[in-house]
């Protein structure tokens, strides 16, 4: 699909995206660059991140800046944010996109794997928000978008650490929205449905799951990364100025 909406308030706005090298994150990086935003993104996949930054270097507006980091290592995350701030300036928009929906059974979970699941799907969202909050407080404005999932709405099994993390994202959003609202900072959750990324198509999507998706969604068409990016652009722009503490579900009506 082709996004047609143009948000003048995003031109020149500094945007930080986690997990931006592939999948939904890569689409977010591209769409915000196309809006003329100053984009910085973080990912553990250095090869993919550098390739995306190089590919978008000549597109409209300022090309994106990439920092390789393991988001589960909080000092490393903080260092990456600080390095990107040198290029894009004080952060005005944070998109907490990074996650890993690796499947796992109840029986296979250990204390260590549980903590690792929480770290990759939830913990970094708080610490990324903590790191950019001073920028937003100084500006008396900002937008934080925490990425959730409809998986726990649907009572999806087979990955308890993931679904628990994604349910907790909404609690994080609501608490941050209350604490940061007096400073003009908005915090919302964007919960995607089953998005047809390259990873999902390669590892998860079969004819059987396609039928399941079509039955579950009210609109039986593939949900694409651009559909998610369209909502993220709106939540980052001034057009959503009075939207905070809310859950925005983009899933073709499944949940």
Protein backbone atom coordinates (compact mmCIF):
# COMPACT_ATOMS: atom_id res chain seq x y z
CA UNK A 1 0.00 0.00 0.00
CA UNK A 2 1.04 3.61 -0.44
CA UNK A 3 0.62 6.08 2.40
CA UNK A 4 -0.95 9.30 1.21
CA UNK A 5 -1.24 11.33 4.45
CA UNK A 6 1.31 14.09 4.97
CA UNK A 7 1.89 15.44 8.47
CA UNK A 8 3.56 18.87 8.38
CA UNK A 9 4.35 18.67 12.11
CA UNK A 10 6.65 15.67 11.52
CA UNK A 11 9.00 17.60 9.22
CA UNK A 12 12.23 18.08 11.12
CA UNK A 13 10.95 16.23 14.18
CA UNK A 14 13.47 13.94 15.89
CA UNK A 15 12.19 10.37 16.02
CA UNK A 16 13.80 7.39 17.78
CA UNK A 17 12.74 3.87 16.73
CA UNK A 18 13.78 0.66 18.47
CA UNK A 19 14.02 -2.58 16.52
CA UNK A 20 14.14 -0.58 13.31
CA UNK A 21 16.31 -2.73 11.06
CA UNK A 22 13.71 -5.21 9.79
CA UNK A 23 9.99 -5.95 9.71
CA UNK A 24 7.56 -3.35 11.04
CA UNK A 25 10.48 -1.33 12.36
CA UNK A 26 12.10 -0.93 8.95
CA UNK A 27 8.81 0.32 7.53
CA UNK A 28 8.53 2.81 10.39
CA UNK A 29 12.02 4.10 9.66
CA UNK A 30 11.23 4.55 5.97
CA UNK A 31 7.86 6.22 6.47
CA UNK A 32 9.17 8.72 9.02
CA UNK A 33 12.12 9.56 6.77
CA UNK A 34 9.64 10.20 3.96
CA UNK A 35 7.83 12.67 6.23
CA UNK A 36 11.06 14.65 6.57
CA UNK A 37 11.66 13.61 10.18
CA UNK A 38 15.14 13.27 11.67
CA UNK A 39 15.21 9.54 12.35
CA UNK A 40 17.49 7.50 14.56
CA UNK A 41 17.00 3.77 15.00
CA UNK A 42 18.47 0.99 17.10
CA UNK A 43 18.71 -2.74 16.42
CA UNK A 44 20.84 -5.69 17.40
CA UNK A 45 21.16 -6.67 13.72
CA UNK A 46 24.03 -4.43 12.64
CA UNK A 47 24.16 -5.73 9.07
CA UNK A 48 20.48 -5.11 8.37
CA UNK A 49 20.54 -1.77 10.17
CA UNK A 50 23.49 -0.45 8.20
CA UNK A 51 21.96 -1.67 4.94
CA UNK A 52 18.66 0.10 5.66
CA UNK A 53 20.41 3.33 6.61
CA UNK A 54 22.43 3.20 3.39
CA UNK A 55 19.36 2.44 1.26
CA UNK A 56 17.42 5.39 2.67
CA UNK A 57 20.29 7.85 2.68
CA UNK A 58 19.16 9.43 -0.57
CA UNK A 59 15.41 9.58 0.11
CA UNK A 60 13.41 12.71 0.86
CA UNK A 61 14.54 14.61 3.94
CA UNK A 62 17.39 13.60 6.18
CA UNK A 63 18.59 10.02 5.92
CA UNK A 64 18.28 7.91 9.07
CA UNK A 65 21.07 7.31 11.57
CA UNK A 66 21.64 3.81 12.93
CA UNK A 67 23.12 2.53 16.18
CA UNK A 68 23.71 -1.16 16.80
CA UNK A 69 22.80 -2.24 20.32
CA UNK A 70 21.35 -5.08 22.36
CA UNK A 71 18.27 -3.48 23.91
CA UNK A 72 18.27 -6.00 26.74
CA UNK A 73 21.56 -4.47 27.91
CA UNK A 74 20.31 -1.22 29.44
CA UNK A 75 23.71 0.55 29.61
CA UNK A 76 24.17 -0.31 25.92
CA UNK A 77 20.69 1.01 25.15
CA UNK A 78 21.42 4.27 26.95
CA UNK A 79 24.70 4.66 25.07
CA UNK A 80 22.96 4.08 21.73
CA UNK A 81 20.31 6.70 22.51
CA UNK A 82 22.96 9.20 23.52
CA UNK A 83 24.93 8.59 20.33
CA UNK A 84 21.86 9.05 18.13
CA UNK A 85 20.94 12.25 19.96
CA UNK A 86 24.18 13.72 18.62
CA UNK A 87 22.74 13.37 15.09
CA UNK A 88 18.99 13.89 15.47
CA UNK A 89 18.94 16.23 18.47
CA UNK A 90 16.71 15.97 21.54
CA UNK A 91 14.20 13.18 21.02
CA UNK A 92 10.63 14.32 20.38
CA UNK A 93 9.08 10.97 19.40
CA UNK A 94 9.90 7.49 20.73
CA UNK A 95 8.54 4.38 19.02
CA UNK A 96 9.15 1.39 21.32
CA UNK A 97 8.78 -1.20 18.57
CA UNK A 98 11.41 -3.86 19.34
CA UNK A 99 10.18 -7.32 20.40
CA UNK A 100 10.63 -11.04 19.77
CA UNK A 101 7.60 -13.31 19.51
CA UNK A 102 9.56 -16.56 19.79
CA UNK A 103 7.24 -19.46 20.59
CA UNK A 104 7.78 -21.41 23.82
CA UNK A 105 5.82 -23.92 25.86
CA UNK A 106 4.98 -23.63 29.55
CA UNK A 107 7.16 -26.67 30.25
CA UNK A 108 10.21 -25.18 28.55
CA UNK A 109 10.27 -21.92 30.52
CA UNK A 110 13.06 -21.43 33.06
CA UNK A 111 13.62 -18.44 35.35
CA UNK A 112 16.39 -17.35 33.00
CA UNK A 113 14.31 -17.65 29.81
CA UNK A 114 11.40 -15.88 31.50
CA UNK A 115 13.59 -12.94 32.48
CA UNK A 116 15.04 -12.87 28.95
CA UNK A 117 11.55 -12.73 27.46
CA UNK A 118 10.53 -9.85 29.70
CA UNK A 119 13.78 -8.05 28.88
CA UNK A 120 13.36 -8.23 25.11
CA UNK A 121 9.63 -7.50 25.04
CA UNK A 122 8.98 -5.08 27.92
CA UNK A 123 11.86 -3.85 30.07
CA UNK A 124 13.64 -1.80 27.41
CA UNK A 125 10.42 0.11 26.68
CA UNK A 126 10.53 1.69 30.13
CA UNK A 127 14.23 2.46 30.06
CA UNK A 128 14.08 3.95 26.57
CA UNK A 129 11.22 6.18 27.74
CA UNK A 130 13.19 7.11 30.85
CA UNK A 131 16.18 8.08 28.70
CA UNK A 132 14.25 10.44 26.40
CA UNK A 133 11.89 11.94 28.97
CA UNK A 134 14.27 14.81 29.87
CA UNK A 135 14.32 15.87 26.21
CA UNK A 136 10.54 15.91 26.07
CA UNK A 137 10.14 17.67 29.42
CA UNK A 138 12.45 20.44 28.23
CA UNK A 139 10.34 20.83 25.08
CA UNK A 140 7.09 20.54 27.07
CA UNK A 141 5.93 18.15 24.36
CA UNK A 142 6.54 14.65 23.05
CA UNK A 143 4.97 11.40 21.94
CA UNK A 144 5.85 7.92 23.16
CA UNK A 145 4.30 4.97 21.34
CA UNK A 146 4.68 1.61 23.06
CA UNK A 147 4.06 -1.34 20.78
CA UNK A 148 1.78 -4.03 22.18
CA UNK A 149 0.02 -6.98 20.56
CA UNK A 150 -3.43 -8.48 20.22
CA UNK A 151 -2.01 -11.90 21.15
CA UNK A 152 -3.09 -11.68 24.77
CA UNK A 153 -6.52 -10.28 23.84
CA UNK A 154 -7.03 -13.44 21.80
CA UNK A 155 -5.85 -15.70 24.65
CA UNK A 156 -3.13 -16.96 22.34
CA UNK A 157 -1.09 -19.78 23.83
CA UNK A 158 2.35 -21.10 23.13
CA UNK A 159 4.38 -18.08 24.28
CA UNK A 160 3.48 -17.07 27.85
CA UNK A 161 6.45 -14.77 28.46
CA UNK A 162 5.64 -12.83 25.28
CA UNK A 163 1.92 -12.47 25.89
CA UNK A 164 2.53 -11.48 29.52
CA UNK A 165 5.00 -8.83 28.39
CA UNK A 166 2.63 -7.45 25.79
CA UNK A 167 -0.25 -7.26 28.27
CA UNK A 168 2.02 -5.35 30.64
CA UNK A 169 2.84 -2.79 27.94
CA UNK A 170 -0.62 -1.31 28.38
CA UNK A 171 -0.08 -0.88 32.11
CA UNK A 172 3.22 0.85 31.38
CA UNK A 173 1.53 3.16 28.88
CA UNK A 174 -1.18 4.20 31.31
CA UNK A 175 1.20 4.90 34.17
CA UNK A 176 3.57 6.92 32.01
CA UNK A 177 0.67 8.85 30.45
CA UNK A 178 -0.44 9.99 33.91
CA UNK A 179 3.04 10.91 35.13
CA UNK A 180 4.17 12.66 31.95
CA UNK A 181 0.94 14.33 30.87
CA UNK A 182 1.57 17.49 32.91
CA UNK A 183 4.68 18.05 30.78
CA UNK A 184 2.74 17.80 27.50
CA UNK A 185 4.06 14.30 26.78
CA UNK A 186 1.60 11.82 25.28
CA UNK A 187 1.96 8.06 25.74
CA UNK A 188 -0.10 5.51 23.82
CA UNK A 189 -0.08 1.82 22.96
CA UNK A 190 -0.19 0.65 19.35
CA UNK A 191 -1.29 -3.00 19.24
CA UNK A 192 -0.84 -4.70 15.87
CA UNK A 193 -2.59 -7.84 14.73
CA UNK A 194 -0.82 -10.55 12.75
CA UNK A 195 1.32 -8.48 10.40
CA UNK A 196 2.68 -10.05 7.23
CA UNK A 197 6.35 -9.22 7.69
CA UNK A 198 9.09 -11.19 5.95
CA UNK A 199 9.83 -12.98 9.23
CA UNK A 200 6.22 -14.03 9.78
CA UNK A 201 5.85 -15.20 6.20
CA UNK A 202 9.07 -17.19 6.46
CA UNK A 203 8.53 -18.78 9.88
CA UNK A 204 4.87 -18.70 10.86
CA UNK A 205 2.38 -18.22 8.05
CA UNK A 206 0.98 -21.35 6.41
CA UNK A 207 -2.18 -22.01 4.46
CA UNK A 208 -3.80 -23.06 7.73
CA UNK A 209 -2.81 -19.85 9.52
CA UNK A 210 -3.92 -17.77 6.54
CA UNK A 211 -7.37 -19.33 6.89
CA UNK A 212 -7.33 -18.68 10.64
CA UNK A 213 -6.42 -15.03 10.07
CA UNK A 214 -9.12 -14.57 7.43
CA UNK A 215 -11.73 -16.04 9.79
CA UNK A 216 -10.60 -13.91 12.71
CA UNK A 217 -10.31 -10.56 10.99
CA UNK A 218 -13.43 -8.62 10.08
CA UNK A 219 -11.60 -7.46 6.96
CA UNK A 220 -10.11 -10.65 5.48
CA UNK A 221 -7.16 -8.96 3.78
CA UNK A 222 -3.48 -9.23 4.75
CA UNK A 223 -2.38 -6.83 7.48
CA UNK A 224 0.81 -5.14 6.30
CA UNK A 225 3.58 -3.12 8.00
CA UNK A 226 2.35 0.02 6.25
CA UNK A 227 -0.99 -0.28 8.06
CA UNK A 228 0.88 -0.13 11.37
CA UNK A 229 3.10 2.72 10.20
CA UNK A 230 0.05 4.77 9.23
CA UNK A 231 -1.19 4.72 12.82
CA UNK A 232 2.29 5.40 14.20
CA UNK A 233 2.59 8.51 12.02
CA UNK A 234 -0.73 9.82 13.33
CA UNK A 235 0.24 9.21 16.96
CA UNK A 236 3.59 10.95 16.47
CA UNK A 237 2.08 13.99 14.74
CA UNK A 238 0.34 16.98 16.30
CA UNK A 239 -2.93 15.73 14.78
CA UNK A 240 -3.24 13.36 17.78
CA UNK A 241 -2.50 16.15 20.27
CA UNK A 242 -5.15 15.09 22.81
CA UNK A 243 -4.73 11.33 22.51
CA UNK A 244 -2.91 9.82 25.47
CA UNK A 245 -3.15 6.79 27.73
CA UNK A 246 -5.04 4.93 25.01
CA UNK A 247 -4.79 1.65 23.11
CA UNK A 248 -4.88 1.88 19.33
CA UNK A 249 -5.49 -1.54 17.79
CA UNK A 250 -4.67 -2.12 14.12
CA UNK A 251 -5.74 -5.68 13.38
CA UNK A 252 -8.53 -5.58 10.76
CA UNK A 253 -11.04 -6.18 13.55
CA UNK A 254 -9.75 -9.44 15.00
CA UNK A 255 -9.50 -8.59 18.71
